[in-house]
PDB file of N, CA and C in Angstrom:
ATOM      1  N   UNK A   1       0.836  -1.174   0.000  1.00  0.00           N
ATOM      2  CA  UNK A   1       0.000   0.000   0.000  1.00  0.00           C
ATOM      3  C   UNK A   1       0.883   1.240   0.000  1.00  0.00           C
ATOM      4  N   UNK A   2       0.409   2.257  -0.645  1.00  0.00           N
ATOM      5  CA  UNK A   2       1.125   3.528  -0.682  1.00  0.00           C
ATOM      6  C   UNK A   2       0.262   4.570   0.004  1.00  0.00           C
ATOM      7  N   UNK A   3       0.850   5.225   1.001  1.00  0.00           N
ATOM      8  CA  UNK A   3       0.155   6.283   1.731  1.00  0.00           C
ATOM      9  C   UNK A   3       0.898   7.598   1.532  1.00  0.00           C
ATOM     10  N   UNK A   4       0.196   8.690   1.710  1.00  0.00           N
ATOM     11  CA  UNK A   4       0.814  10.013   1.707  1.00  0.00           C
ATOM     12  C   UNK A   4       1.154  10.382   3.143  1.00  0.00           C
ATOM     13  N   UNK A   5       2.317  11.017   3.330  1.00  0.00           N
ATOM     14  CA  UNK A   5       2.820  11.358   4.657  1.00  0.00           C
ATOM     15  C   UNK A   5       3.209  12.824   4.725  1.00  0.00           C
ATOM     16  N   UNK A   6       3.183  13.371   5.926  1.00  0.00           N
ATOM     17  CA  UNK A   6       3.716  14.704   6.200  1.00  0.00           C
ATOM     18  C   UNK A   6       4.896  14.514   7.136  1.00  0.00           C
ATOM     19  N   UNK A   7       6.025  15.105   6.783  1.00  0.00           N
ATOM     20  CA  UNK A   7       7.197  15.055   7.655  1.00  0.00           C
ATOM     21  C   UNK A   7       7.079  16.191   8.649  1.00  0.00           C
ATOM     22  N   UNK A   8       7.015  15.836   9.920  1.00  0.00           N
ATOM     23  CA  UNK A   8       6.834  16.831  10.978  1.00  0.00           C
ATOM     24  C   UNK A   8       8.142  17.222  11.651  1.00  0.00           C
ATOM     25  N   UNK A   9       9.185  16.440  11.427  1.00  0.00           N
ATOM     26  CA  UNK A   9      10.482  16.769  12.013  1.00  0.00           C
ATOM     27  C   UNK A   9      11.563  15.857  11.456  1.00  0.00           C
ATOM     28  N   UNK A  10      12.790  16.348  11.475  1.00  0.00           N
ATOM     29  CA  UNK A  10      13.934  15.580  10.988  1.00  0.00           C
ATOM     30  C   UNK A  10      15.056  15.696  12.012  1.00  0.00           C
ATOM     31  N   UNK A  11      15.658  14.557  12.319  1.00  0.00           N
ATOM     32  CA  UNK A  11      16.828  14.552  13.187  1.00  0.00           C
ATOM     33  C   UNK A  11      17.976  13.853  12.461  1.00  0.00           C
ATOM     34  N   UNK A  12      19.214  14.265  12.792  1.00  0.00           N
ATOM     35  CA  UNK A  12      20.397  13.672  12.200  1.00  0.00           C
ATOM     36  C   UNK A  12      21.276  13.100  13.305  1.00  0.00           C
ATOM     37  N   UNK A  13      21.819  11.917  13.075  1.00  0.00           N
ATOM     38  CA  UNK A  13      22.702  11.255  14.036  1.00  0.00           C
ATOM     39  C   UNK A  13      23.957  12.099  14.236  1.00  0.00           C
ATOM     40  N   UNK A  14      24.376  12.241  15.497  1.00  0.00           N
ATOM     41  CA  UNK A  14      25.526  13.096  15.812  1.00  0.00           C
ATOM     42  C   UNK A  14      26.766  12.329  16.246  1.00  0.00           C
ATOM     43  N   UNK A  15      26.654  11.020  16.445  1.00  0.00           N
ATOM     44  CA  UNK A  15      27.809  10.238  16.900  1.00  0.00           C
ATOM     45  C   UNK A  15      28.897  10.233  15.834  1.00  0.00           C
ATOM     46  N   UNK A  16      30.142  10.428  16.232  1.00  0.00           N
ATOM     47  CA  UNK A  16      31.234  10.371  15.257  1.00  0.00           C
ATOM     48  C   UNK A  16      31.515   8.932  14.842  1.00  0.00           C
ATOM     49  N   UNK A  17      32.176   8.786  13.716  1.00  0.00           N
ATOM     50  CA  UNK A  17      32.606   7.472  13.265  1.00  0.00           C
ATOM     51  C   UNK A  17      33.910   7.093  13.966  1.00  0.00           C
ATOM     52  N   UNK A  18      34.029   5.816  14.312  1.00  0.00           N
ATOM     53  CA  UNK A  18      35.258   5.295  14.921  1.00  0.00           C
ATOM     54  C   UNK A  18      35.697   4.068  14.118  1.00  0.00           C
ATOM     55  N   UNK A  19      36.989   3.793  14.158  1.00  0.00           N
ATOM     56  CA  UNK A  19      37.557   2.662  13.429  1.00  0.00           C
ATOM     57  C   UNK A  19      37.135   1.355  14.096  1.00  0.00           C
ATOM     58  N   UNK A  20      36.495   0.478  13.320  1.00  0.00           N
ATOM     59  CA  UNK A  20      36.054  -0.821  13.837  1.00  0.00           C
ATOM     60  C   UNK A  20      36.952  -1.938  13.322  1.00  0.00           C
ATOM     61  N   UNK A  21      38.067  -1.577  12.706  1.00  0.00           N
ATOM     62  CA  UNK A  21      38.983  -2.573  12.164  1.00  0.00           C
ATOM     63  C   UNK A  21      38.550  -3.066  10.804  1.00  0.00           C
ATOM     64  N   UNK A  22      39.450  -3.761  10.138  1.00  0.00           N
ATOM     65  CA  UNK A  22      39.185  -4.334   8.820  1.00  0.00           C
ATOM     66  C   UNK A  22      38.618  -3.304   7.841  1.00  0.00           C
ATOM     67  N   UNK A  23      39.200  -2.094   7.856  1.00  0.00           N
ATOM     68  CA  UNK A  23      38.763  -1.011   6.954  1.00  0.00           C
ATOM     69  C   UNK A  23      37.287  -0.686   7.092  1.00  0.00           C
ATOM     70  N   UNK A  24      36.775  -0.709   8.324  1.00  0.00           N
ATOM     71  CA  UNK A  24      35.356  -0.459   8.588  1.00  0.00           C
ATOM     72  C   UNK A  24      35.203   0.622   9.637  1.00  0.00           C
ATOM     73  N   UNK A  25      34.335   1.577   9.344  1.00  0.00           N
ATOM     74  CA  UNK A  25      34.030   2.647  10.291  1.00  0.00           C
ATOM     75  C   UNK A  25      32.578   2.493  10.743  1.00  0.00           C
ATOM     76  N   UNK A  26      32.350   2.686  12.049  1.00  0.00           N
ATOM     77  CA  UNK A  26      30.995   2.610  12.610  1.00  0.00           C
ATOM     78  C   UNK A  26      30.783   3.811  13.520  1.00  0.00           C
ATOM     79  N   UNK A  27      29.537   4.103  13.806  1.00  0.00           N
ATOM     80  CA  UNK A  27      29.228   5.196  14.741  1.00  0.00           C
ATOM     81  C   UNK A  27      29.598   4.752  16.152  1.00  0.00           C
ATOM     82  N   UNK A  28      30.140   5.677  16.928  1.00  0.00           N
ATOM     83  CA  UNK A  28      30.507   5.400  18.314  1.00  0.00           C
ATOM     84  C   UNK A  28      29.227   5.265  19.138  1.00  0.00           C
ATOM     85  N   UNK A  29      28.884   4.061  19.600  1.00  0.00           N
ATOM     86  CA  UNK A  29      27.622   3.880  20.337  1.00  0.00           C
ATOM     87  C   UNK A  29      27.598   4.641  21.657  1.00  0.00           C
ATOM     88  N   UNK A  30      28.755   4.916  22.231  1.00  0.00           N
ATOM     89  CA  UNK A  30      28.806   5.659  23.500  1.00  0.00           C
ATOM     90  C   UNK A  30      28.428   7.124  23.311  1.00  0.00           C
ATOM     91  N   UNK A  31      28.522   7.618  22.084  1.00  0.00           N
ATOM     92  CA  UNK A  31      28.226   9.028  21.808  1.00  0.00           C
ATOM     93  C   UNK A  31      26.999   9.197  20.909  1.00  0.00           C
ATOM     94  N   UNK A  32      26.187   8.149  20.817  1.00  0.00           N
ATOM     95  CA  UNK A  32      25.007   8.201  19.972  1.00  0.00           C
ATOM     96  C   UNK A  32      24.054   9.299  20.430  1.00  0.00           C
ATOM     97  N   UNK A  33      23.555  10.053  19.476  1.00  0.00           N
ATOM     98  CA  UNK A  33      22.613  11.124  19.782  1.00  0.00           C
ATOM     99  C   UNK A  33      22.021  11.670  18.504  1.00  0.00           C
ATOM    100  N   UNK A  34      21.014  12.487  18.648  1.00  0.00           N
ATOM    101  CA  UNK A  34      20.316  13.060  17.503  1.00  0.00           C
ATOM    102  C   UNK A  34      20.146  14.546  17.713  1.00  0.00           C
ATOM    103  N   UNK A  35      20.207  15.323  16.616  1.00  0.00           N
ATOM    104  CA  UNK A  35      19.895  16.754  16.703  1.00  0.00           C
ATOM    105  C   UNK A  35      18.908  17.096  15.603  1.00  0.00           C
ATOM    106  N   UNK A  36      18.013  18.005  15.932  1.00  0.00           N
ATOM    107  CA  UNK A  36      16.993  18.410  14.977  1.00  0.00           C
ATOM    108  C   UNK A  36      17.612  19.282  13.900  1.00  0.00           C
ATOM    109  N   UNK A  37      17.200  19.040  12.656  1.00  0.00           N
ATOM    110  CA  UNK A  37      17.660  19.847  11.530  1.00  0.00           C
ATOM    111  C   UNK A  37      16.445  20.249  10.701  1.00  0.00           C
ATOM    112  N   UNK A  38      16.531  21.367   9.948  1.00  0.00           N
ATOM    113  CA  UNK A  38      15.375  21.831   9.175  1.00  0.00           C
ATOM    114  C   UNK A  38      15.137  21.058   7.886  1.00  0.00           C
ATOM    115  N   UNK A  39      16.207  20.476   7.310  1.00  0.00           N
ATOM    116  CA  UNK A  39      16.062  19.729   6.057  1.00  0.00           C
ATOM    117  C   UNK A  39      17.270  18.823   5.880  1.00  0.00           C
ATOM    118  N   UNK A  40      17.122  17.832   5.026  1.00  0.00           N
ATOM    119  CA  UNK A  40      18.233  16.920   4.754  1.00  0.00           C
ATOM    120  C   UNK A  40      19.078  17.456   3.592  1.00  0.00           C
ATOM    121  N   UNK A  41      20.336  17.058   3.593  1.00  0.00           N
ATOM    122  CA  UNK A  41      21.254  17.333   2.494  1.00  0.00           C
ATOM    123  C   UNK A  41      22.167  16.110   2.408  1.00  0.00           C
ATOM    124  N   UNK A  42      21.621  15.022   1.896  1.00  0.00           N
ATOM    125  CA  UNK A  42      22.308  13.734   1.926  1.00  0.00           C
ATOM    126  C   UNK A  42      23.654  13.745   1.211  1.00  0.00           C
ATOM    127  N   UNK A  43      23.846  14.619   0.240  1.00  0.00           N
ATOM    128  CA  UNK A  43      25.125  14.670  -0.471  1.00  0.00           C
ATOM    129  C   UNK A  43      26.211  15.287   0.391  1.00  0.00           C
ATOM    130  N   UNK A  44      25.840  16.171   1.320  1.00  0.00           N
ATOM    131  CA  UNK A  44      26.843  16.914   2.088  1.00  0.00           C
ATOM    132  C   UNK A  44      26.819  16.674   3.588  1.00  0.00           C
ATOM    133  N   UNK A  45      25.662  16.369   4.167  1.00  0.00           N
ATOM    134  CA  UNK A  45      25.586  16.143   5.612  1.00  0.00           C
ATOM    135  C   UNK A  45      26.508  15.000   6.002  1.00  0.00           C
ATOM    136  N   UNK A  46      27.328  15.227   7.004  1.00  0.00           N
ATOM    137  CA  UNK A  46      28.234  14.200   7.531  1.00  0.00           C
ATOM    138  C   UNK A  46      29.065  13.569   6.407  1.00  0.00           C
ATOM    139  N   UNK A  47      29.525  14.432   5.488  1.00  0.00           N
ATOM    140  CA  UNK A  47      30.336  13.999   4.338  1.00  0.00           C
ATOM    141  C   UNK A  47      29.651  12.916   3.503  1.00  0.00           C
ATOM    142  N   UNK A  48      28.330  12.995   3.381  1.00  0.00           N
ATOM    143  CA  UNK A  48      27.577  12.045   2.577  1.00  0.00           C
ATOM    144  C   UNK A  48      27.207  10.767   3.306  1.00  0.00           C
ATOM    145  N   UNK A  49      27.490  10.696   4.603  1.00  0.00           N
ATOM    146  CA  UNK A  49      27.192   9.485   5.382  1.00  0.00           C
ATOM    147  C   UNK A  49      26.174   9.728   6.489  1.00  0.00           C
ATOM    148  N   UNK A  50      25.345  10.742   6.325  1.00  0.00           N
ATOM    149  CA  UNK A  50      24.385  11.092   7.372  1.00  0.00           C
ATOM    150  C   UNK A  50      23.324  10.016   7.555  1.00  0.00           C
ATOM    151  N   UNK A  51      22.854   9.912   8.785  1.00  0.00           N
ATOM    152  CA  UNK A  51      21.727   9.043   9.120  1.00  0.00           C
ATOM    153  C   UNK A  51      20.623   9.946   9.652  1.00  0.00           C
ATOM    154  N   UNK A  52      19.432   9.785   9.103  1.00  0.00           N
ATOM    155  CA  UNK A  52      18.308  10.641   9.468  1.00  0.00           C
ATOM    156  C   UNK A  52      17.208   9.844  10.152  1.00  0.00           C
ATOM    157  N   UNK A  53      16.509  10.521  11.024  1.00  0.00           N
ATOM    158  CA  UNK A  53      15.320   9.986  11.665  1.00  0.00           C
ATOM    159  C   UNK A  53      14.183  10.937  11.294  1.00  0.00           C
ATOM    160  N   UNK A  54      13.203  10.420  10.538  1.00  0.00           N
ATOM    161  CA  UNK A  54      12.077  11.244  10.104  1.00  0.00           C
ATOM    162  C   UNK A  54      10.885  11.004  11.012  1.00  0.00           C
ATOM    163  N   UNK A  55      10.314  12.083  11.499  1.00  0.00           N
ATOM    164  CA  UNK A  55       9.093  12.017  12.305  1.00  0.00           C
ATOM    165  C   UNK A  55       7.945  12.359  11.358  1.00  0.00           C
ATOM    166  N   UNK A  56       7.106  11.364  11.057  1.00  0.00           N
ATOM    167  CA  UNK A  56       6.066  11.509  10.041  1.00  0.00           C
ATOM    168  C   UNK A  56       4.679  11.243  10.604  1.00  0.00           C
ATOM    169  N   UNK A  57       3.711  11.785   9.877  1.00  0.00           N
ATOM    170  CA  UNK A  57       2.310  11.525  10.196  1.00  0.00           C
ATOM    171  C   UNK A  57       1.608  11.163   8.898  1.00  0.00           C
ATOM    172  N   UNK A  58       0.877  10.055   8.929  1.00  0.00           N
ATOM    173  CA  UNK A  58       0.126   9.634   7.746  1.00  0.00           C
ATOM    174  C   UNK A  58      -1.059  10.570   7.561  1.00  0.00           C
ATOM    175  N   UNK A  59      -1.274  11.014   6.323  1.00  0.00           N
ATOM    176  CA  UNK A  59      -2.322  11.993   6.039  1.00  0.00           C
ATOM    177  C   UNK A  59      -3.713  11.385   6.137  1.00  0.00           C
ATOM    178  N   UNK A  60      -3.898  10.172   5.595  1.00  0.00           N
ATOM    179  CA  UNK A  60      -5.222   9.545   5.680  1.00  0.00           C
ATOM    180  C   UNK A  60      -5.065   8.045   5.868  1.00  0.00           C
ATOM    181  N   UNK A  61      -6.117   7.436   6.355  1.00  0.00           N
ATOM    182  CA  UNK A  61      -6.109   5.984   6.570  1.00  0.00           C
ATOM    183  C   UNK A  61      -6.255   5.216   5.261  1.00  0.00           C
ATOM    184  N   UNK A  62      -6.864   5.846   4.268  1.00  0.00           N
ATOM    185  CA  UNK A  62      -7.081   5.193   2.989  1.00  0.00           C
ATOM    186  C   UNK A  62      -5.812   5.299   2.140  1.00  0.00           C
ATOM    187  N   UNK A  63      -5.280   4.169   1.679  1.00  0.00           N
ATOM    188  CA  UNK A  63      -4.069   4.238   0.863  1.00  0.00           C
ATOM    189  C   UNK A  63      -4.346   4.873  -0.498  1.00  0.00           C
ATOM    190  N   UNK A  64      -3.341   5.567  -1.000  1.00  0.00           N
ATOM    191  CA  UNK A  64      -3.446   6.141  -2.336  1.00  0.00           C
ATOM    192  C   UNK A  64      -3.439   5.035  -3.380  1.00  0.00           C
ATOM    193  N   UNK A  65      -2.719   3.960  -3.061  1.00  0.00           N
ATOM    194  CA  UNK A  65      -2.650   2.816  -3.957  1.00  0.00           C
ATOM    195  C   UNK A  65      -2.524   1.562  -3.120  1.00  0.00           C
ATOM    196  N   UNK A  66      -3.323   0.565  -3.427  1.00  0.00           N
ATOM    197  CA  UNK A  66      -3.286  -0.705  -2.682  1.00  0.00           C
ATOM    198  C   UNK A  66      -2.433  -1.723  -3.433  1.00  0.00           C
ATOM    199  N   UNK A  67      -2.011  -2.715  -2.711  1.00  0.00           N
ATOM    200  CA  UNK A  67      -1.244  -3.802  -3.322  1.00  0.00           C
ATOM    201  C   UNK A  67      -2.147  -4.594  -4.260  1.00  0.00           C
ATOM    202  N   UNK A  68      -1.593  -5.007  -5.387  1.00  0.00           N
ATOM    203  CA  UNK A  68      -2.348  -5.836  -6.319  1.00  0.00           C
ATOM    204  C   UNK A  68      -2.380  -7.259  -5.784  1.00  0.00           C
ATOM    205  N   UNK A  69      -3.500  -7.906  -5.936  1.00  0.00           N
ATOM    206  CA  UNK A  69      -3.621  -9.306  -5.507  1.00  0.00           C
ATOM    207  C   UNK A  69      -3.931 -10.170  -6.710  1.00  0.00           C
ATOM    208  N   UNK A  70      -3.355 -11.356  -6.731  1.00  0.00           N
ATOM    209  CA  UNK A  70      -3.634 -12.319  -7.808  1.00  0.00           C
ATOM    210  C   UNK A  70      -4.903 -13.087  -7.475  1.00  0.00           C
ATOM    211  N   UNK A  71      -5.788 -13.177  -8.423  1.00  0.00           N
ATOM    212  CA  UNK A  71      -7.050 -13.899  -8.202  1.00  0.00           C
ATOM    213  C   UNK A  71      -7.028 -15.244  -8.852  1.00  0.00           C
TER     214      UNK A  71
END
């Protein structure tokens, strides 16, 4: 089903990346946190590695498009 949504808020992960070995970087779980931002910029936020948390509200209960079913 496809629904229409309104984005009511956006947060971006603030934890820095730390070396996890084997050429792998991960977010530091001890410093995990979120800060509110007005809009996303996925190409530039956190050097293109940003993680976002979207706070959304569904506009209506009726889907704009339902899943097709085989009969």
